[in-house]
Amino acid sequence: MTLLLAGDIGGTKTILRLVETSDSPSSDPIYQESFHSGDFPDLVPIVQKFLVKANTSLPQKACFAIAGPIVKNTAKLTNLAWFLDTERLEQELGIPQISLINDFAAVGYGILGLQKQDLLTLQVGKSQPEAPIAIIGAGTGLGQGFLIKQGNYYQVFSSEGGHTDFAPRNEIEFQLLKYLLNKHDIQRISVERVVSGMGIVSIYQFLRDRKIAHESPDIAQIVRTWEQQAGQEEKIDAGAVIGTAALEKRDRLCEQTLQLFIEAYGAEAGNLALKLLPYGGLYVAGGIAPKILPLMQDSSFLLNFTQKGRMRRLLEEIPVYIILNPQVGLIGAALRAAGL
């Protein structure tokens, strides 16, 4: 048996998990713990503390999923003054083999370890086992990636597709684009500025400022507090508050916000699907979709996913799933570590 260390490394939180190769990567870990990343100067002391608390032998292999690009086995975290290098990590931790991968690449590997109960089917489609698999996931940002079958294995690719241009399709989306350009005084708007947690708040602000619907006092106070905390590390999650209010149908402005968000989300998922034709499945990852499942299951996501003119019939044959397991990235990091 080989002891593996898997990690999900973010600017706010670092989650570490120990598993054995004899176990299913999605089974209960030997030990798992979460740490506040900002309390440590580097990843090394977190791992050292974790291994002491785990009270086990040193792992033979490790894989860490990083929220950002990996360049020549190195990674610089966006929200932390951490610079990670696999060679340095191997030397300082005494782990013979360490890999750094993009967090969405980890989700890609994780898909291969999911069980039936970890998925909700939005569209059955007509699955083709040899075809590409696509991943899209709105959370703090908007991640995108894909898998290509290579013999008996899949090769996993991350991308920066969330930073492509937001493409408005109707009058209200054109107004949203103009609003965001003026608000931020910039030359372009990425799709991530609309389809993400911050995008939910941006859509709310747009609809509020255009007085498209009445703003309730309790939500207004939360959003105002969020706006005043701009640039601070610890902030109210206004996007989650807006999503919950929409889900509970207790605030019309929040409901309209989520409607526009889900329409844009479905449209961007359809754009990704047109580029890859992922008849192996399109998987919706990220932290937002599982929290608003009833709204995602509403027809608007799939309607905008398939609303691509003459290409509609092609997209109606692509299986679409929502990933329900929040540990998919850790599962993927463990699978990648096992393959080192």
C-alpha atoms as a PDB file:
ATOM      1  CA  MET A   1       0.000   0.000   0.000  1.00  0.00           C
ATOM      2  CA  THR A   2       1.178   3.512  -0.842  1.00  0.00           C
ATOM      3  CA  LEU A   3       0.302   6.450   1.374  1.00  0.00           C
ATOM      4  CA  LEU A   4      -0.833   9.497  -0.628  1.00  0.00           C
ATOM      5  CA  LEU A   5      -1.265  13.131   0.382  1.00  0.00           C
ATOM      6  CA  ALA A   6      -3.826  15.226  -1.503  1.00  0.00           C
ATOM      7  CA  GLY A   7      -4.325  18.953  -1.032  1.00  0.00           C
ATOM      8  CA  ASP A   8      -6.697  21.676  -2.145  1.00  0.00           C
ATOM      9  CA  ILE A   9      -4.765  24.929  -1.735  1.00  0.00           C
ATOM     10  CA  GLY A  10      -6.631  28.225  -1.818  1.00  0.00           C
ATOM     11  CA  GLY A  11      -5.987  31.790  -0.781  1.00  0.00           C
ATOM     12  CA  THR A  12      -8.412  31.435   2.125  1.00  0.00           C
ATOM     13  CA  LYS A  13      -8.425  27.740   2.996  1.00  0.00           C
ATOM     14  CA  THR A  14      -6.117  24.744   2.605  1.00  0.00           C
ATOM     15  CA  ILE A  15      -7.588  21.232   2.902  1.00  0.00           C
ATOM     16  CA  LEU A  16      -5.285  18.224   3.236  1.00  0.00           C
ATOM     17  CA  ARG A  17      -6.260  14.547   2.972  1.00  0.00           C
ATOM     18  CA  LEU A  18      -4.363  11.281   3.519  1.00  0.00           C
ATOM     19  CA  VAL A  19      -5.470   8.195   1.570  1.00  0.00           C
ATOM     20  CA  GLU A  20      -4.046   4.798   0.641  1.00  0.00           C
ATOM     21  CA  THR A  21      -3.847   3.475  -2.905  1.00  0.00           C
ATOM     22  CA  SER A  22      -5.727   0.339  -1.828  1.00  0.00           C
ATOM     23  CA  ASP A  23      -8.776   2.487  -1.079  1.00  0.00           C
ATOM     24  CA  SER A  24     -11.186   4.143  -3.476  1.00  0.00           C
ATOM     25  CA  PRO A  25     -10.139   7.814  -3.775  1.00  0.00           C
ATOM     26  CA  SER A  26     -13.685   8.857  -2.915  1.00  0.00           C
ATOM     27  CA  SER A  27     -13.858   6.679   0.219  1.00  0.00           C
ATOM     28  CA  ASP A  28     -13.322   8.052   3.713  1.00  0.00           C
ATOM     29  CA  PRO A  29      -9.746   9.333   4.115  1.00  0.00           C
ATOM     30  CA  ILE A  30      -7.314   8.119   6.751  1.00  0.00           C
ATOM     31  CA  TYR A  31      -7.127  11.692   8.001  1.00  0.00           C
ATOM     32  CA  GLN A  32      -8.320  15.079   6.747  1.00  0.00           C
ATOM     33  CA  GLU A  33      -8.099  18.612   8.107  1.00  0.00           C
ATOM     34  CA  SER A  34      -8.678  22.188   6.984  1.00  0.00           C
ATOM     35  CA  PHE A  35      -6.384  25.153   7.728  1.00  0.00           C
ATOM     36  CA  HIS A  36      -6.681  28.915   7.306  1.00  0.00           C
ATOM     37  CA  SER A  37      -4.033  29.600   4.673  1.00  0.00           C
ATOM     38  CA  GLY A  38      -3.299  33.147   5.820  1.00  0.00           C
ATOM     39  CA  ASP A  39      -2.114  31.896   9.223  1.00  0.00           C
ATOM     40  CA  PHE A  40       0.970  30.337   7.641  1.00  0.00           C
ATOM     41  CA  PRO A  41       3.924  31.795   5.686  1.00  0.00           C
ATOM     42  CA  ASP A  42       4.070  28.838   3.301  1.00  0.00           C
ATOM     43  CA  LEU A  43       2.559  25.431   2.521  1.00  0.00           C
ATOM     44  CA  VAL A  44       5.428  23.516   4.172  1.00  0.00           C
ATOM     45  CA  PRO A  45       4.537  24.307   7.830  1.00  0.00           C
ATOM     46  CA  ILE A  46       0.887  23.448   7.138  1.00  0.00           C
ATOM     47  CA  VAL A  47       1.817  20.016   5.785  1.00  0.00           C
ATOM     48  CA  GLN A  48       4.259  19.424   8.651  1.00  0.00           C
ATOM     49  CA  LYS A  49       1.618  20.299  11.239  1.00  0.00           C
ATOM     50  CA  PHE A  50      -0.919  18.119   9.439  1.00  0.00           C
ATOM     51  CA  LEU A  51       1.388  15.081   9.367  1.00  0.00           C
ATOM     52  CA  VAL A  52       2.185  15.430  13.084  1.00  0.00           C
ATOM     53  CA  LYS A  53      -1.534  15.504  13.914  1.00  0.00           C
ATOM     54  CA  ALA A  54      -2.202  12.589  11.550  1.00  0.00           C
ATOM     55  CA  ASN A  55       0.381  10.540  13.477  1.00  0.00           C
ATOM     56  CA  THR A  56       1.291   8.359  10.523  1.00  0.00           C
ATOM     57  CA  SER A  57       4.274   7.563   8.350  1.00  0.00           C
ATOM     58  CA  LEU A  58       5.463   9.984   5.660  1.00  0.00           C
ATOM     59  CA  PRO A  59       3.502   9.841   2.384  1.00  0.00           C
ATOM     60  CA  GLN A  60       5.360   8.527  -0.659  1.00  0.00           C
ATOM     61  CA  LYS A  61       3.519  10.774  -3.099  1.00  0.00           C
ATOM     62  CA  ALA A  62       1.595  14.055  -2.925  1.00  0.00           C
ATOM     63  CA  CYS A  63      -0.450  16.236  -5.241  1.00  0.00           C
ATOM     64  CA  PHE A  64      -1.614  19.756  -4.471  1.00  0.00           C
ATOM     65  CA  ALA A  65      -4.381  21.491  -6.426  1.00  0.00           C
ATOM     66  CA  ILE A  66      -3.707  25.226  -6.777  1.00  0.00           C
ATOM     67  CA  ALA A  67      -6.174  27.977  -7.700  1.00  0.00           C
ATOM     68  CA  GLY A  68      -4.069  29.398 -10.525  1.00  0.00           C
ATOM     69  CA  PRO A  69      -1.800  28.465 -13.437  1.00  0.00           C
ATOM     70  CA  ILE A  70       1.086  26.024 -12.988  1.00  0.00           C
ATOM     71  CA  VAL A  71       4.257  27.042 -14.860  1.00  0.00           C
ATOM     72  CA  LYS A  72       7.232  24.648 -15.003  1.00  0.00           C
ATOM     73  CA  ASN A  73       6.239  22.884 -11.770  1.00  0.00           C
ATOM     74  CA  THR A  74       5.861  26.164  -9.896  1.00  0.00           C
ATOM     75  CA  ALA A  75       2.859  28.174  -8.740  1.00  0.00           C
ATOM     76  CA  LYS A  76       2.348  31.644  -7.284  1.00  0.00           C
ATOM     77  CA  LEU A  77      -0.906  32.017  -5.379  1.00  0.00           C
ATOM     78  CA  THR A  78      -2.941  35.077  -6.301  1.00  0.00           C
ATOM     79  CA  ASN A  79      -4.123  35.996  -2.804  1.00  0.00           C
ATOM     80  CA  LEU A  80      -1.111  34.828  -0.804  1.00  0.00           C
ATOM     81  CA  ALA A  81       2.606  35.610  -0.855  1.00  0.00           C
ATOM     82  CA  TRP A  82       3.350  31.930  -1.458  1.00  0.00           C
ATOM     83  CA  PHE A  83       5.621  30.669  -4.211  1.00  0.00           C
ATOM     84  CA  LEU A  84       5.470  26.888  -4.518  1.00  0.00           C
ATOM     85  CA  ASP A  85       8.069  24.795  -6.291  1.00  0.00           C
ATOM     86  CA  THR A  86       7.848  20.989  -6.463  1.00  0.00           C
ATOM     87  CA  GLU A  87      11.600  20.448  -6.047  1.00  0.00           C
ATOM     88  CA  ARG A  88      11.729  22.617  -2.917  1.00  0.00           C
ATOM     89  CA  LEU A  89       8.613  21.000  -1.480  1.00  0.00           C
ATOM     90  CA  GLU A  90      10.045  17.501  -2.032  1.00  0.00           C
ATOM     91  CA  GLN A  91      13.277  18.457  -0.261  1.00  0.00           C
ATOM     92  CA  GLU A  92      11.723  20.279   2.702  1.00  0.00           C
ATOM     93  CA  LEU A  93       8.897  17.791   3.284  1.00  0.00           C
ATOM     94  CA  GLY A  94      10.863  14.630   2.547  1.00  0.00           C
ATOM     95  CA  ILE A  95       8.164  13.368   0.160  1.00  0.00           C
ATOM     96  CA  PRO A  96       9.832  11.710  -2.880  1.00  0.00           C
ATOM     97  CA  GLN A  97       7.246  12.713  -5.497  1.00  0.00           C
ATOM     98  CA  ILE A  98       5.114  15.873  -5.468  1.00  0.00           C
ATOM     99  CA  SER A  99       2.957  17.328  -8.214  1.00  0.00           C
ATOM    100  CA  LEU A 100       1.272  20.726  -8.487  1.00  0.00           C
ATOM    101  CA  ILE A 101      -1.825  20.928 -10.659  1.00  0.00           C
ATOM    102  CA  ASN A 102      -4.433  23.575 -11.414  1.00  0.00           C
ATOM    103  CA  ASP A 103      -7.512  23.290  -9.208  1.00  0.00           C
ATOM    104  CA  PHE A 104      -9.754  22.714 -12.198  1.00  0.00           C
ATOM    105  CA  ALA A 105      -7.428  20.024 -13.511  1.00  0.00           C
ATOM    106  CA  ALA A 106      -7.961  18.387 -10.104  1.00  0.00           C
ATOM    107  CA  VAL A 107     -11.722  18.535 -10.690  1.00  0.00           C
ATOM    108  CA  GLY A 108     -11.086  16.865 -14.055  1.00  0.00           C
ATOM    109  CA  TYR A 109      -9.240  13.971 -12.423  1.00  0.00           C
ATOM    110  CA  GLY A 110     -11.877  13.878  -9.686  1.00  0.00           C
ATOM    111  CA  ILE A 111     -14.678  13.264 -12.177  1.00  0.00           C
ATOM    112  CA  LEU A 112     -13.067   9.915 -12.911  1.00  0.00           C
ATOM    113  CA  GLY A 113     -13.476   8.931  -9.243  1.00  0.00           C
ATOM    114  CA  LEU A 114     -17.072  10.036  -8.698  1.00  0.00           C
ATOM    115  CA  GLN A 115     -19.930   7.668  -7.878  1.00  0.00           C
ATOM    116  CA  LYS A 116     -23.493   7.782  -9.195  1.00  0.00           C
ATOM    117  CA  GLN A 117     -24.744   9.494  -6.034  1.00  0.00           C
ATOM    118  CA  ASP A 118     -22.208  12.287  -6.546  1.00  0.00           C
ATOM    119  CA  LEU A 119     -23.997  13.507  -9.680  1.00  0.00           C
ATOM    120  CA  LEU A 120     -27.344  14.983 -10.637  1.00  0.00           C
ATOM    121  CA  THR A 121     -28.360  14.541 -14.277  1.00  0.00           C
ATOM    122  CA  LEU A 122     -29.734  17.663 -15.926  1.00  0.00           C
ATOM    123  CA  GLN A 123     -29.825  16.221 -19.450  1.00  0.00           C
ATOM    124  CA  VAL A 124     -29.453  12.532 -20.292  1.00  0.00           C
ATOM    125  CA  GLY A 125     -28.251  13.086 -23.854  1.00  0.00           C
ATOM    126  CA  LYS A 126     -26.543  10.334 -25.836  1.00  0.00           C
ATOM    127  CA  SER A 127     -23.265   9.475 -24.178  1.00  0.00           C
ATOM    128  CA  GLN A 128     -20.242   8.530 -26.298  1.00  0.00           C
ATOM    129  CA  PRO A 129     -17.515   6.945 -24.117  1.00  0.00           C
ATOM    130  CA  GLU A 130     -14.649   7.923 -26.458  1.00  0.00           C
ATOM    131  CA  ALA A 131     -15.719  11.573 -26.774  1.00  0.00           C
ATOM    132  CA  PRO A 132     -14.261  14.535 -24.829  1.00  0.00           C
ATOM    133  CA  ILE A 133     -15.542  15.527 -21.391  1.00  0.00           C
ATOM    134  CA  ALA A 134     -16.053  19.213 -20.513  1.00  0.00           C
ATOM    135  CA  ILE A 135     -16.057  20.898 -17.110  1.00  0.00           C
ATOM    136  CA  ILE A 136     -17.384  24.316 -16.174  1.00  0.00           C
ATOM    137  CA  GLY A 137     -17.766  25.626 -12.650  1.00  0.00           C
ATOM    138  CA  ALA A 138     -18.837  28.934 -11.153  1.00  0.00           C
ATOM    139  CA  GLY A 139     -17.642  29.711  -7.655  1.00  0.00           C
ATOM    140  CA  THR A 140     -15.293  32.474  -6.563  1.00  0.00           C
ATOM    141  CA  GLY A 141     -14.371  32.645 -10.254  1.00  0.00           C
ATOM    142  CA  LEU A 142     -15.330  30.667 -13.354  1.00  0.00           C
ATOM    143  CA  GLY A 143     -13.277  27.563 -14.089  1.00  0.00           C
ATOM    144  CA  GLN A 144     -13.271  25.610 -17.322  1.00  0.00           C
ATOM    145  CA  GLY A 145     -11.423  22.501 -18.462  1.00  0.00           C
ATOM    146  CA  PHE A 146     -11.699  19.296 -20.460  1.00  0.00           C
ATOM    147  CA  LEU A 147     -10.599  15.669 -20.696  1.00  0.00           C
ATOM    148  CA  ILE A 148      -9.516  13.773 -23.813  1.00  0.00           C
ATOM    149  CA  LYS A 149      -9.468   9.955 -23.990  1.00  0.00           C
ATOM    150  CA  GLN A 150      -5.999   8.530 -24.682  1.00  0.00           C
ATOM    151  CA  GLY A 151      -6.273   4.758 -24.985  1.00  0.00           C
ATOM    152  CA  ASN A 152      -7.409   3.472 -21.594  1.00  0.00           C
ATOM    153  CA  TYR A 153      -6.754   6.776 -19.849  1.00  0.00           C
ATOM    154  CA  TYR A 154      -7.902  10.392 -19.921  1.00  0.00           C
ATOM    155  CA  GLN A 155      -5.566  13.329 -20.329  1.00  0.00           C
ATOM    156  CA  VAL A 156      -6.797  16.286 -18.285  1.00  0.00           C
ATOM    157  CA  PHE A 157      -6.435  19.881 -19.445  1.00  0.00           C
ATOM    158  CA  SER A 158      -7.146  23.054 -17.498  1.00  0.00           C
ATOM    159  CA  SER A 159      -7.876  26.333 -19.244  1.00  0.00           C
ATOM    160  CA  GLU A 160      -8.463  30.013 -18.561  1.00  0.00           C
ATOM    161  CA  GLY A 161     -11.742  30.014 -20.468  1.00  0.00           C
ATOM    162  CA  GLY A 162     -13.491  31.955 -17.714  1.00  0.00           C
ATOM    163  CA  HIS A 163     -11.505  35.008 -18.807  1.00  0.00           C
ATOM    164  CA  THR A 164     -12.906  35.066 -22.341  1.00  0.00           C
ATOM    165  CA  ASP A 165     -15.234  37.934 -23.249  1.00  0.00           C
ATOM    166  CA  PHE A 166     -18.774  38.112 -21.914  1.00  0.00           C
ATOM    167  CA  ALA A 167     -21.048  37.954 -24.967  1.00  0.00           C
ATOM    168  CA  PRO A 168     -24.447  39.622 -24.379  1.00  0.00           C
ATOM    169  CA  ARG A 169     -27.335  38.138 -26.353  1.00  0.00           C
ATOM    170  CA  ASN A 170     -30.287  40.400 -25.620  1.00  0.00           C
ATOM    171  CA  GLU A 171     -31.102  43.955 -24.549  1.00  0.00           C
ATOM    172  CA  ILE A 172     -30.813  43.430 -20.807  1.00  0.00           C
ATOM    173  CA  GLU A 173     -27.454  41.666 -21.170  1.00  0.00           C
ATOM    174  CA  PHE A 174     -26.199  44.519 -23.393  1.00  0.00           C
ATOM    175  CA  GLN A 175     -27.258  46.938 -20.656  1.00  0.00           C
ATOM    176  CA  LEU A 176     -25.447  44.791 -18.080  1.00  0.00           C
ATOM    177  CA  LEU A 177     -22.270  44.855 -20.199  1.00  0.00           C
ATOM    178  CA  LYS A 178     -22.382  48.644 -20.518  1.00  0.00           C
ATOM    179  CA  TYR A 179     -23.094  49.016 -16.798  1.00  0.00           C
ATOM    180  CA  LEU A 180     -20.053  46.897 -15.838  1.00  0.00           C
ATOM    181  CA  LEU A 181     -17.758  48.692 -18.320  1.00  0.00           C
ATOM    182  CA  ASN A 182     -18.738  52.058 -16.840  1.00  0.00           C
ATOM    183  CA  LYS A 183     -18.716  50.873 -13.233  1.00  0.00           C
ATOM    184  CA  HIS A 184     -15.191  49.439 -13.415  1.00  0.00           C
ATOM    185  CA  ASP A 185     -13.884  51.889 -16.037  1.00  0.00           C
ATOM    186  CA  ILE A 186     -12.325  49.094 -18.095  1.00  0.00           C
ATOM    187  CA  GLN A 187     -12.220  48.139 -21.773  1.00  0.00           C
ATOM    188  CA  ARG A 188     -13.655  44.634 -21.653  1.00  0.00           C
ATOM    189  CA  ILE A 189     -15.753  42.390 -19.432  1.00  0.00           C
ATOM    190  CA  SER A 190     -14.826  38.742 -18.966  1.00  0.00           C
ATOM    191  CA  VAL A 191     -17.560  36.151 -18.622  1.00  0.00           C
ATOM    192  CA  GLU A 192     -16.221  35.477 -15.102  1.00  0.00           C
ATOM    193  CA  ARG A 193     -17.432  38.947 -14.038  1.00  0.00           C
ATOM    194  CA  VAL A 194     -20.981  37.740 -14.726  1.00  0.00           C
ATOM    195  CA  VAL A 195     -20.909  33.969 -14.149  1.00  0.00           C
ATOM    196  CA  SER A 196     -19.399  33.657 -10.654  1.00  0.00           C
ATOM    197  CA  GLY A 197     -20.111  34.577  -7.058  1.00  0.00           C
ATOM    198  CA  MET A 198     -18.995  38.144  -7.681  1.00  0.00           C
ATOM    199  CA  GLY A 199     -21.098  38.053 -10.851  1.00  0.00           C
ATOM    200  CA  ILE A 200     -24.240  37.386  -8.817  1.00  0.00           C
ATOM    201  CA  VAL A 201     -23.562  40.542  -6.795  1.00  0.00           C
ATOM    202  CA  SER A 202     -22.761  42.526  -9.958  1.00  0.00           C
ATOM    203  CA  ILE A 203     -26.057  41.483 -11.553  1.00  0.00           C
ATOM    204  CA  TYR A 204     -27.901  42.431  -8.347  1.00  0.00           C
ATOM    205  CA  GLN A 205     -26.245  45.863  -8.316  1.00  0.00           C
ATOM    206  CA  PHE A 206     -27.122  46.369 -11.983  1.00  0.00           C
ATOM    207  CA  LEU A 207     -30.788  45.491 -11.494  1.00  0.00           C
ATOM    208  CA  ARG A 208     -30.918  47.558  -8.289  1.00  0.00           C
ATOM    209  CA  ASP A 209     -29.340  50.640  -9.843  1.00  0.00           C
ATOM    210  CA  ARG A 210     -31.634  50.376 -12.875  1.00  0.00           C
ATOM    211  CA  LYS A 211     -34.566  50.123 -10.443  1.00  0.00           C
ATOM    212  CA  ILE A 212     -35.845  47.056 -12.284  1.00  0.00           C
ATOM    213  CA  ALA A 213     -37.233  45.652  -9.029  1.00  0.00           C
ATOM    214  CA  HIS A 214     -37.738  46.835  -5.447  1.00  0.00           C
ATOM    215  CA  GLU A 215     -34.826  46.257  -3.036  1.00  0.00           C
ATOM    216  CA  SER A 216     -35.833  44.824   0.332  1.00  0.00           C
ATOM    217  CA  PRO A 217     -34.222  46.499   3.380  1.00  0.00           C
ATOM    218  CA  ASP A 218     -32.555  43.380   4.840  1.00  0.00           C
ATOM    219  CA  ILE A 219     -30.841  42.367   1.580  1.00  0.00           C
ATOM    220  CA  ALA A 220     -29.977  46.017   0.898  1.00  0.00           C
ATOM    221  CA  GLN A 221     -28.125  46.255   4.217  1.00  0.00           C
ATOM    222  CA  ILE A 222     -26.115  43.097   3.540  1.00  0.00           C
ATOM    223  CA  VAL A 223     -25.121  44.235   0.039  1.00  0.00           C
ATOM    224  CA  ARG A 224     -24.187  47.724   1.320  1.00  0.00           C
ATOM    225  CA  THR A 225     -21.976  46.145   3.994  1.00  0.00           C
ATOM    226  CA  TRP A 226     -20.361  43.952   1.324  1.00  0.00           C
ATOM    227  CA  GLU A 227     -19.676  47.023  -0.811  1.00  0.00           C
ATOM    228  CA  GLN A 228     -18.077  48.830   2.131  1.00  0.00           C
ATOM    229  CA  GLN A 229     -15.797  45.841   2.777  1.00  0.00           C
ATOM    230  CA  ALA A 230     -14.348  45.897  -0.742  1.00  0.00           C
ATOM    231  CA  GLY A 231     -10.677  44.906  -0.655  1.00  0.00           C
ATOM    232  CA  GLN A 232     -10.823  43.325   2.796  1.00  0.00           C
ATOM    233  CA  GLU A 233      -9.866  39.676   3.241  1.00  0.00           C
ATOM    234  CA  GLU A 234     -12.892  38.666   5.326  1.00  0.00           C
ATOM    235  CA  LYS A 235     -16.144  39.654   3.658  1.00  0.00           C
ATOM    236  CA  ILE A 236     -19.814  38.839   3.878  1.00  0.00           C
ATOM    237  CA  ASP A 237     -20.746  36.397   1.127  1.00  0.00           C
ATOM    238  CA  ALA A 238     -23.365  38.627  -0.491  1.00  0.00           C
ATOM    239  CA  GLY A 239     -23.703  36.287  -3.477  1.00  0.00           C
ATOM    240  CA  ALA A 240     -24.724  33.424  -1.180  1.00  0.00           C
ATOM    241  CA  VAL A 241     -27.255  35.654   0.626  1.00  0.00           C
ATOM    242  CA  ILE A 242     -28.794  36.727  -2.690  1.00  0.00           C
ATOM    243  CA  GLY A 243     -28.899  33.105  -3.889  1.00  0.00           C
ATOM    244  CA  THR A 244     -30.606  31.894  -0.709  1.00  0.00           C
ATOM    245  CA  ALA A 245     -33.223  34.658  -0.878  1.00  0.00           C
ATOM    246  CA  ALA A 246     -33.937  33.754  -4.514  1.00  0.00           C
ATOM    247  CA  LEU A 247     -34.176  30.057  -3.665  1.00  0.00           C
ATOM    248  CA  GLU A 248     -36.650  30.772  -0.891  1.00  0.00           C
ATOM    249  CA  LYS A 249     -38.637  33.121  -3.187  1.00  0.00           C
ATOM    250  CA  ARG A 250     -38.699  35.872  -0.573  1.00  0.00           C
ATOM    251  CA  ASP A 251     -37.098  38.683  -2.564  1.00  0.00           C
ATOM    252  CA  ARG A 252     -38.108  39.578  -6.126  1.00  0.00           C
ATOM    253  CA  LEU A 253     -34.886  41.419  -6.931  1.00  0.00           C
ATOM    254  CA  CYS A 254     -32.825  38.399  -5.843  1.00  0.00           C
ATOM    255  CA  GLU A 255     -35.028  36.092  -7.923  1.00  0.00           C
ATOM    256  CA  GLN A 256     -34.479  38.220 -11.017  1.00  0.00           C
ATOM    257  CA  THR A 257     -30.749  38.316 -10.266  1.00  0.00           C
ATOM    258  CA  LEU A 258     -30.490  34.522 -10.173  1.00  0.00           C
ATOM    259  CA  GLN A 259     -32.630  34.196 -13.281  1.00  0.00           C
ATOM    260  CA  LEU A 260     -30.213  36.372 -15.267  1.00  0.00           C
ATOM    261  CA  PHE A 261     -27.211  34.618 -13.704  1.00  0.00           C
ATOM    262  CA  ILE A 262     -28.475  31.130 -14.605  1.00  0.00           C
ATOM    263  CA  GLU A 263     -29.316  32.205 -18.160  1.00  0.00           C
ATOM    264  CA  ALA A 264     -25.765  33.519 -18.629  1.00  0.00           C
ATOM    265  CA  TYR A 265     -24.343  30.377 -16.973  1.00  0.00           C
ATOM    266  CA  GLY A 266     -26.261  28.105 -19.337  1.00  0.00           C
ATOM    267  CA  ALA A 267     -25.240  30.172 -22.362  1.00  0.00           C
ATOM    268  CA  GLU A 268     -21.541  29.990 -21.446  1.00  0.00           C
ATOM    269  CA  ALA A 269     -21.794  26.235 -20.806  1.00  0.00           C
ATOM    270  CA  GLY A 270     -23.284  25.962 -24.304  1.00  0.00           C
ATOM    271  CA  ASN A 271     -20.390  27.995 -25.745  1.00  0.00           C
ATOM    272  CA  LEU A 272     -17.899  25.591 -24.165  1.00  0.00           C
ATOM    273  CA  ALA A 273     -19.878  22.602 -25.445  1.00  0.00           C
ATOM    274  CA  LEU A 274     -19.869  23.939 -29.010  1.00  0.00           C
ATOM    275  CA  LYS A 275     -16.061  24.180 -28.939  1.00  0.00           C
ATOM    276  CA  LEU A 276     -15.488  20.665 -27.591  1.00  0.00           C
ATOM    277  CA  LEU A 277     -18.637  18.651 -28.490  1.00  0.00           C
ATOM    278  CA  PRO A 278     -18.261  16.782 -25.170  1.00  0.00           C
ATOM    279  CA  TYR A 279     -20.495  13.779 -25.778  1.00  0.00           C
ATOM    280  CA  GLY A 280     -18.628  12.164 -22.898  1.00  0.00           C
ATOM    281  CA  GLY A 281     -20.528  14.634 -20.731  1.00  0.00           C
ATOM    282  CA  LEU A 282     -20.484  18.252 -19.612  1.00  0.00           C
ATOM    283  CA  TYR A 283     -19.998  18.481 -15.851  1.00  0.00           C
ATOM    284  CA  VAL A 284     -21.076  21.554 -13.891  1.00  0.00           C
ATOM    285  CA  ALA A 285     -18.687  21.947 -10.953  1.00  0.00           C
ATOM    286  CA  GLY A 286     -18.067  24.805  -8.524  1.00  0.00           C
ATOM    287  CA  GLY A 287     -19.688  25.740  -5.250  1.00  0.00           C
ATOM    288  CA  ILE A 288     -22.723  27.627  -6.562  1.00  0.00           C
ATOM    289  CA  ALA A 289     -24.717  25.051  -8.542  1.00  0.00           C
ATOM    290  CA  PRO A 290     -25.289  22.548  -5.676  1.00  0.00           C
ATOM    291  CA  LYS A 291     -26.567  25.373  -3.452  1.00  0.00           C
ATOM    292  CA  ILE A 292     -29.229  26.463  -5.951  1.00  0.00           C
ATOM    293  CA  LEU A 293     -30.183  23.053  -7.359  1.00  0.00           C
ATOM    294  CA  PRO A 294     -33.921  23.736  -7.795  1.00  0.00           C
ATOM    295  CA  LEU A 295     -33.087  26.862  -9.803  1.00  0.00           C
ATOM    296  CA  MET A 296     -30.491  24.989 -11.891  1.00  0.00           C
ATOM    297  CA  GLN A 297     -33.056  22.260 -12.589  1.00  0.00           C
ATOM    298  CA  ASP A 298     -35.460  24.879 -13.874  1.00  0.00           C
ATOM    299  CA  SER A 299     -35.633  24.952 -17.671  1.00  0.00           C
ATOM    300  CA  SER A 300     -33.680  28.232 -18.042  1.00  0.00           C
ATOM    301  CA  PHE A 301     -30.174  26.705 -17.689  1.00  0.00           C
ATOM    302  CA  LEU A 302     -30.763  23.993 -20.279  1.00  0.00           C
ATOM    303  CA  LEU A 303     -32.805  26.317 -22.481  1.00  0.00           C
ATOM    304  CA  ASN A 304     -29.891  28.746 -22.727  1.00  0.00           C
ATOM    305  CA  PHE A 305     -27.401  25.876 -22.986  1.00  0.00           C
ATOM    306  CA  THR A 306     -29.107  24.529 -26.114  1.00  0.00           C
ATOM    307  CA  GLN A 307     -30.244  27.862 -27.587  1.00  0.00           C
ATOM    308  CA  LYS A 308     -27.574  27.937 -30.294  1.00  0.00           C
ATOM    309  CA  GLY A 309     -29.584  28.202 -33.506  1.00  0.00           C
ATOM    310  CA  ARG A 310     -28.840  25.426 -35.992  1.00  0.00           C
ATOM    311  CA  MET A 311     -26.584  23.713 -33.450  1.00  0.00           C
ATOM    312  CA  ARG A 312     -29.431  23.133 -30.977  1.00  0.00           C
ATOM    313  CA  ARG A 313     -29.898  19.452 -31.846  1.00  0.00           C
ATOM    314  CA  LEU A 314     -26.197  18.747 -31.294  1.00  0.00           C
ATOM    315  CA  LEU A 315     -26.306  20.242 -27.806  1.00  0.00           C
ATOM    316  CA  GLU A 316     -29.478  18.360 -26.900  1.00  0.00           C
ATOM    317  CA  GLU A 317     -27.478  15.120 -27.275  1.00  0.00           C
ATOM    318  CA  ILE A 318     -24.737  16.122 -24.803  1.00  0.00           C
ATOM    319  CA  PRO A 319     -25.155  14.620 -21.295  1.00  0.00           C
ATOM    320  CA  VAL A 320     -25.141  17.357 -18.656  1.00  0.00           C
ATOM    321  CA  TYR A 321     -24.442  16.674 -14.966  1.00  0.00           C
ATOM    322  CA  ILE A 322     -24.115  18.732 -11.794  1.00  0.00           C
ATOM    323  CA  ILE A 323     -21.368  17.555  -9.417  1.00  0.00           C
ATOM    324  CA  LEU A 324     -22.783  17.276  -5.901  1.00  0.00           C
ATOM    325  CA  ASN A 325     -19.635  16.081  -4.106  1.00  0.00           C
ATOM    326  CA  PRO A 326     -17.721  19.120  -2.756  1.00  0.00           C
ATOM    327  CA  GLN A 327     -14.585  16.959  -2.342  1.00  0.00           C
ATOM    328  CA  VAL A 328     -14.178  16.318  -6.076  1.00  0.00           C
ATOM    329  CA  GLY A 329     -10.941  18.338  -6.205  1.00  0.00           C
ATOM    330  CA  LEU A 330      -9.385  16.348  -3.361  1.00  0.00           C
ATOM    331  CA  ILE A 331     -10.470  13.096  -5.015  1.00  0.00           C
ATOM    332  CA  GLY A 332      -8.792  14.283  -8.190  1.00  0.00           C
ATOM    333  CA  ALA A 333      -5.582  15.293  -6.418  1.00  0.00           C
ATOM    334  CA  ALA A 334      -5.428  11.838  -4.806  1.00  0.00           C
ATOM    335  CA  LEU A 335      -5.929  10.141  -8.173  1.00  0.00           C
ATOM    336  CA  ARG A 336      -3.202  12.294  -9.700  1.00  0.00           C
ATOM    337  CA  ALA A 337      -0.851  11.487  -6.804  1.00  0.00           C
ATOM    338  CA  ALA A 338      -1.526   7.772  -7.304  1.00  0.00           C
ATOM    339  CA  GLY A 339      -0.546   8.125 -10.958  1.00  0.00           C
ATOM    340  CA  LEU A 340       2.826   9.773 -10.293  1.00  0.00           C
END
